[in-house]
Amino acid sequence: MFESKRGEYHVVQCPLFKTLGYSKLSIEEARNDHSADLDIFLQAHIDRGSLIIALHTLGWERHAVGEHYISKGLPPSLLNQSTHTHRFAA
């Protein structure tokens, strides 16, 4: 995730999911807004049964073990860090 300030707005972005949160009040409020955006993204795709397709569209691929997915855009040095490996049920 990336955090920045753009003019009056605090902004939180997650390029791995193409999600965004922002707030004029504080970075904490921007984080909360981003969390809500990510929750909506995940829940909408889970409800539609399209999460796997969405992950593939965003550049994620199935990891060799189980149901793990990783983003192809991550540098190799980060691929073994658990914070960048996500488990999704198929």
C-alpha atoms as a PDB file:
ATOM      1  CA  MET A   1       0.000   0.000   0.000  1.00  0.00           C
ATOM      2  CA  PHE A   2       1.061   3.531  -0.647  1.00  0.00           C
ATOM      3  CA  GLU A   3       0.092   6.537   1.413  1.00  0.00           C
ATOM      4  CA  SER A   4       0.437  10.123   0.259  1.00  0.00           C
ATOM      5  CA  LYS A   5      -1.067  13.565   0.533  1.00  0.00           C
ATOM      6  CA  ARG A   6      -2.450  15.162  -2.616  1.00  0.00           C
ATOM      7  CA  GLY A   7      -3.480  18.713  -2.029  1.00  0.00           C
ATOM      8  CA  GLU A   8      -6.041  18.616   0.775  1.00  0.00           C
ATOM      9  CA  TYR A   9      -6.520  14.840   0.599  1.00  0.00           C
ATOM     10  CA  HIS A  10      -4.798  11.972   2.378  1.00  0.00           C
ATOM     11  CA  VAL A  11      -4.703   9.063  -0.064  1.00  0.00           C
ATOM     12  CA  VAL A  12      -4.146   5.323   0.417  1.00  0.00           C
ATOM     13  CA  GLN A  13      -3.694   3.128  -2.664  1.00  0.00           C
ATOM     14  CA  CYS A  14      -3.216  -0.591  -3.141  1.00  0.00           C
ATOM     15  CA  PRO A  15      -2.007  -1.254  -6.688  1.00  0.00           C
ATOM     16  CA  LEU A  16      -2.293  -5.021  -6.195  1.00  0.00           C
ATOM     17  CA  PHE A  17      -6.092  -4.667  -6.063  1.00  0.00           C
ATOM     18  CA  LYS A  18      -6.405  -1.270  -7.784  1.00  0.00           C
ATOM     19  CA  THR A  19      -8.224   0.079  -4.735  1.00  0.00           C
ATOM     20  CA  LEU A  20      -8.144   3.567  -3.250  1.00  0.00           C
ATOM     21  CA  GLY A  21      -9.179   5.385  -0.092  1.00  0.00           C
ATOM     22  CA  TYR A  22      -9.053   9.080   0.663  1.00  0.00           C
ATOM     23  CA  SER A  23      -9.994  11.644   3.278  1.00  0.00           C
ATOM     24  CA  LYS A  24      -9.565  15.334   3.982  1.00  0.00           C
ATOM     25  CA  LEU A  25      -9.471  14.643   7.726  1.00  0.00           C
ATOM     26  CA  SER A  26      -6.537  12.273   8.330  1.00  0.00           C
ATOM     27  CA  ILE A  27      -4.489   9.377   7.021  1.00  0.00           C
ATOM     28  CA  GLU A  28      -6.344   7.116   9.458  1.00  0.00           C
ATOM     29  CA  GLU A  29      -9.661   8.062   7.834  1.00  0.00           C
ATOM     30  CA  ALA A  30      -8.105   7.409   4.404  1.00  0.00           C
ATOM     31  CA  ARG A  31      -7.007   3.957   5.621  1.00  0.00           C
ATOM     32  CA  ASN A  32     -10.556   3.277   6.860  1.00  0.00           C
ATOM     33  CA  ASP A  33     -11.964   4.396   3.511  1.00  0.00           C
ATOM     34  CA  HIS A  34      -9.517   2.138   1.684  1.00  0.00           C
ATOM     35  CA  SER A  35     -10.392  -0.795   3.927  1.00  0.00           C
ATOM     36  CA  ALA A  36     -14.082  -0.275   3.124  1.00  0.00           C
ATOM     37  CA  ASP A  37     -13.277  -0.087  -0.607  1.00  0.00           C
ATOM     38  CA  LEU A  38     -11.289  -3.322  -0.465  1.00  0.00           C
ATOM     39  CA  ASP A  39     -14.062  -5.041   1.532  1.00  0.00           C
ATOM     40  CA  ILE A  40     -16.622  -4.018  -1.101  1.00  0.00           C
ATOM     41  CA  PHE A  41     -14.370  -5.252  -3.921  1.00  0.00           C
ATOM     42  CA  LEU A  42     -13.814  -8.639  -2.275  1.00  0.00           C
ATOM     43  CA  GLN A  43     -17.414  -9.149  -1.131  1.00  0.00           C
ATOM     44  CA  ALA A  44     -18.861  -8.182  -4.515  1.00  0.00           C
ATOM     45  CA  HIS A  45     -16.635 -10.677  -6.331  1.00  0.00           C
ATOM     46  CA  ILE A  46     -17.232 -13.402  -3.736  1.00  0.00           C
ATOM     47  CA  ASP A  47     -21.009 -12.883  -4.012  1.00  0.00           C
ATOM     48  CA  ARG A  48     -20.845 -13.069  -7.825  1.00  0.00           C
ATOM     49  CA  GLY A  49     -18.479 -16.034  -7.815  1.00  0.00           C
ATOM     50  CA  SER A  50     -15.982 -13.999  -9.848  1.00  0.00           C
ATOM     51  CA  LEU A  51     -13.114 -13.487  -7.387  1.00  0.00           C
ATOM     52  CA  ILE A  52     -10.727 -15.864  -9.173  1.00  0.00           C
ATOM     53  CA  ILE A  53     -11.436 -14.176 -12.517  1.00  0.00           C
ATOM     54  CA  ALA A  54     -10.934 -10.739 -10.948  1.00  0.00           C
ATOM     55  CA  LEU A  55      -7.612 -11.805  -9.437  1.00  0.00           C
ATOM     56  CA  HIS A  56      -6.396 -13.129 -12.784  1.00  0.00           C
ATOM     57  CA  THR A  57      -7.503  -9.897 -14.483  1.00  0.00           C
ATOM     58  CA  LEU A  58      -5.457  -7.918 -11.938  1.00  0.00           C
ATOM     59  CA  GLY A  59      -2.372 -10.015 -12.688  1.00  0.00           C
ATOM     60  CA  TRP A  60      -2.535 -12.539  -9.857  1.00  0.00           C
ATOM     61  CA  GLU A  61      -1.666 -16.169 -10.504  1.00  0.00           C
ATOM     62  CA  ARG A  62      -2.099 -19.414  -8.595  1.00  0.00           C
ATOM     63  CA  HIS A  63       0.908 -20.273  -6.460  1.00  0.00           C
ATOM     64  CA  ALA A  64       2.308 -23.780  -6.682  1.00  0.00           C
ATOM     65  CA  VAL A  65       0.954 -24.767  -3.252  1.00  0.00           C
ATOM     66  CA  GLY A  66      -2.758 -25.037  -2.548  1.00  0.00           C
ATOM     67  CA  GLU A  67      -5.066 -22.096  -3.107  1.00  0.00           C
ATOM     68  CA  HIS A  68      -2.457 -19.359  -2.734  1.00  0.00           C
ATOM     69  CA  TYR A  69      -2.411 -16.503  -5.210  1.00  0.00           C
ATOM     70  CA  ILE A  70       0.393 -14.007  -5.703  1.00  0.00           C
ATOM     71  CA  SER A  71       0.636 -10.868  -7.772  1.00  0.00           C
ATOM     72  CA  LYS A  72       2.912 -11.264 -10.792  1.00  0.00           C
ATOM     73  CA  GLY A  73       3.977  -7.627 -10.419  1.00  0.00           C
ATOM     74  CA  LEU A  74       5.853  -8.148  -7.160  1.00  0.00           C
ATOM     75  CA  PRO A  75       9.660  -8.214  -7.148  1.00  0.00           C
ATOM     76  CA  PRO A  76      11.039 -11.745  -6.545  1.00  0.00           C
ATOM     77  CA  SER A  77      12.513 -10.658  -3.197  1.00  0.00           C
ATOM     78  CA  LEU A  78       8.982 -10.083  -1.846  1.00  0.00           C
ATOM     79  CA  LEU A  79       7.304 -13.237  -3.139  1.00  0.00           C
ATOM     80  CA  ASN A  80       8.202 -15.297  -0.065  1.00  0.00           C
ATOM     81  CA  GLN A  81       6.859 -12.740   2.423  1.00  0.00           C
ATOM     82  CA  SER A  82       3.517 -13.836   3.815  1.00  0.00           C
ATOM     83  CA  THR A  83       2.145 -10.282   3.697  1.00  0.00           C
ATOM     84  CA  HIS A  84       2.112 -10.536  -0.103  1.00  0.00           C
ATOM     85  CA  THR A  85       0.640 -14.018  -0.334  1.00  0.00           C
ATOM     86  CA  HIS A  86      -3.120 -14.246   0.011  1.00  0.00           C
ATOM     87  CA  ARG A  87      -5.288 -17.328   0.457  1.00  0.00           C
ATOM     88  CA  PHE A  88      -8.570 -17.414  -1.431  1.00  0.00           C
ATOM     89  CA  ALA A  89     -11.019 -20.286  -1.612  1.00  0.00           C
ATOM     90  CA  ALA A  90     -11.791 -21.325  -5.175  1.00  0.00           C
END
